[in-house]
C-alpha atoms as a PDB file:
ATOM      1  CA  MET A   1      -7.399  28.498  -0.074  1.00  0.00           C
ATOM      2  CA  SER A   2     -11.132  28.863   0.946  1.00  0.00           C
ATOM      3  CA  ALA A   3     -12.795  26.070   3.529  1.00  0.00           C
ATOM      4  CA  THR A   4     -15.324  25.618   0.036  1.00  0.00           C
ATOM      5  CA  ASP A   5     -11.982  23.939  -1.205  1.00  0.00           C
ATOM      6  CA  LEU A   6     -11.416  21.437   1.286  1.00  0.00           C
ATOM      7  CA  LYS A   7     -12.554  17.917   0.991  1.00  0.00           C
ATOM      8  CA  PRO A   8     -13.366  15.802   3.868  1.00  0.00           C
ATOM      9  CA  TRP A   9     -11.174  12.275   3.301  1.00  0.00           C
ATOM     10  CA  PHE A  10     -13.363   8.920   3.714  1.00  0.00           C
ATOM     11  CA  ARG A  11     -12.270   5.607   4.453  1.00  0.00           C
ATOM     12  CA  GLU A  12     -12.838   4.970   0.758  1.00  0.00           C
ATOM     13  CA  ASP A  13     -10.877   7.915  -0.680  1.00  0.00           C
ATOM     14  CA  ILE A  14      -7.890   7.107   1.242  1.00  0.00           C
ATOM     15  CA  ALA A  15      -8.088   3.230   0.048  1.00  0.00           C
ATOM     16  CA  ARG A  16      -8.684   4.143  -3.619  1.00  0.00           C
ATOM     17  CA  ALA A  17      -5.553   6.550  -2.977  1.00  0.00           C
ATOM     18  CA  LEU A  18      -3.511   4.025  -1.633  1.00  0.00           C
ATOM     19  CA  VAL A  19      -4.374   1.574  -4.569  1.00  0.00           C
ATOM     20  CA  SER A  20      -3.430   3.823  -6.909  1.00  0.00           C
ATOM     21  CA  ILE A  21      -0.177   4.430  -5.120  1.00  0.00           C
ATOM     22  CA  TYR A  22       0.277   0.807  -5.213  1.00  0.00           C
ATOM     23  CA  PHE A  23      -0.484   0.171  -8.789  1.00  0.00           C
ATOM     24  CA  THR A  24       1.938   2.704  -9.783  1.00  0.00           C
ATOM     25  CA  SER A  25       4.665   1.198  -8.036  1.00  0.00           C
ATOM     26  CA  LYS A  26       3.944  -2.117  -9.541  1.00  0.00           C
ATOM     27  CA  MET A  27       3.930  -0.743 -12.993  1.00  0.00           C
ATOM     28  CA  SER A  28       7.317   1.258 -12.461  1.00  0.00           C
ATOM     29  CA  ASP A  29       9.291  -1.815 -10.717  1.00  0.00           C
ATOM     30  CA  VAL A  30      11.884  -2.250 -13.311  1.00  0.00           C
ATOM     31  CA  THR A  31      13.246  -5.636 -11.468  1.00  0.00           C
ATOM     32  CA  GLY A  32      10.143  -7.429 -12.621  1.00  0.00           C
ATOM     33  CA  GLY A  33       8.906  -8.095  -8.931  1.00  0.00           C
ATOM     34  CA  LYS A  34      12.252  -9.887  -8.545  1.00  0.00           C
ATOM     35  CA  ASN A  35      13.833  -7.372  -5.835  1.00  0.00           C
ATOM     36  CA  LYS A  36      12.266  -8.867  -2.837  1.00  0.00           C
ATOM     37  CA  ASP A  37      13.477  -6.248  -0.465  1.00  0.00           C
ATOM     38  CA  TYR A  38      11.960  -3.528  -2.510  1.00  0.00           C
ATOM     39  CA  ARG A  39       8.803  -5.274  -2.943  1.00  0.00           C
ATOM     40  CA  SER A  40       8.379  -6.269   0.705  1.00  0.00           C
ATOM     41  CA  GLY A  41       9.600  -2.596   2.088  1.00  0.00           C
ATOM     42  CA  PHE A  42       7.087  -0.884  -0.253  1.00  0.00           C
ATOM     43  CA  ALA A  43       4.418  -3.091   0.844  1.00  0.00           C
ATOM     44  CA  SER A  44       5.213  -2.673   4.592  1.00  0.00           C
ATOM     45  CA  ALA A  45       5.300   1.198   4.340  1.00  0.00           C
ATOM     46  CA  LEU A  46       1.797   1.085   2.148  1.00  0.00           C
ATOM     47  CA  SER A  47       0.168  -1.249   4.492  1.00  0.00           C
ATOM     48  CA  SER A  48       1.271   0.848   7.703  1.00  0.00           C
ATOM     49  CA  VAL A  49      -0.327   3.727   6.281  1.00  0.00           C
ATOM     50  CA  ALA A  50      -3.518   1.739   5.469  1.00  0.00           C
ATOM     51  CA  ILE A  51      -3.422   0.410   9.104  1.00  0.00           C
ATOM     52  CA  MET A  52      -3.270   3.875  10.367  1.00  0.00           C
ATOM     53  CA  VAL A  53      -6.093   4.913   8.706  1.00  0.00           C
ATOM     54  CA  GLY A  54      -7.965   1.710   9.748  1.00  0.00           C
ATOM     55  CA  ILE A  55      -7.725   0.350   6.176  1.00  0.00           C
ATOM     56  CA  ASN A  56      -7.128  -3.729   5.909  1.00  0.00           C
ATOM     57  CA  PRO A  57      -4.066  -3.969   3.984  1.00  0.00           C
ATOM     58  CA  GLY A  58      -5.883  -7.001   1.918  1.00  0.00           C
ATOM     59  CA  GLU A  59      -7.985  -4.421   0.359  1.00  0.00           C
ATOM     60  CA  VAL A  60      -5.010  -2.331  -0.965  1.00  0.00           C
ATOM     61  CA  LEU A  61      -2.200  -5.153  -1.622  1.00  0.00           C
ATOM     62  CA  ALA A  62      -2.075  -7.930  -3.966  1.00  0.00           C
ATOM     63  CA  PRO A  63      -2.220 -11.554  -2.055  1.00  0.00           C
ATOM     64  CA  GLU A  64       1.207 -12.622  -3.142  1.00  0.00           C
ATOM     65  CA  ASP A  65       2.270  -9.102  -1.392  1.00  0.00           C
ATOM     66  CA  ILE A  66       0.115 -10.008   1.790  1.00  0.00           C
ATOM     67  CA  ALA A  67       2.288 -13.268   1.683  1.00  0.00           C
ATOM     68  CA  LEU A  68       5.735 -11.821   1.183  1.00  0.00           C
ATOM     69  CA  LEU A  69       5.081  -9.402   4.369  1.00  0.00           C
ATOM     70  CA  ARG A  70       3.609 -12.383   6.403  1.00  0.00           C
ATOM     71  CA  GLU A  71       7.072 -14.312   5.214  1.00  0.00           C
ATOM     72  CA  CYS A  72       9.205 -11.504   6.206  1.00  0.00           C
ATOM     73  CA  ALA A  73       7.422 -11.067   9.626  1.00  0.00           C
ATOM     74  CA  ASP A  74       8.048 -14.834  10.079  1.00  0.00           C
ATOM     75  CA  THR A  75      11.910 -14.757   9.494  1.00  0.00           C
ATOM     76  CA  GLN A  76      12.236 -11.515  12.028  1.00  0.00           C
END
């Protein structure tokens, strides 16, 4: 791999990648969103990566998943 093959990652690129991962997880959820543990775990992991790279999880996750994360945090 040469140096010309490397592309710097910008915030927008990472945000688009996270949205793609999130969309794929939503489309492949065979429970239809009924498995709360799966949804909250996946949303938590994705939001952790978003925060790590300086992206607001609200830019990546749907409002209902943000609410689920808040609900889970309140019960801990």
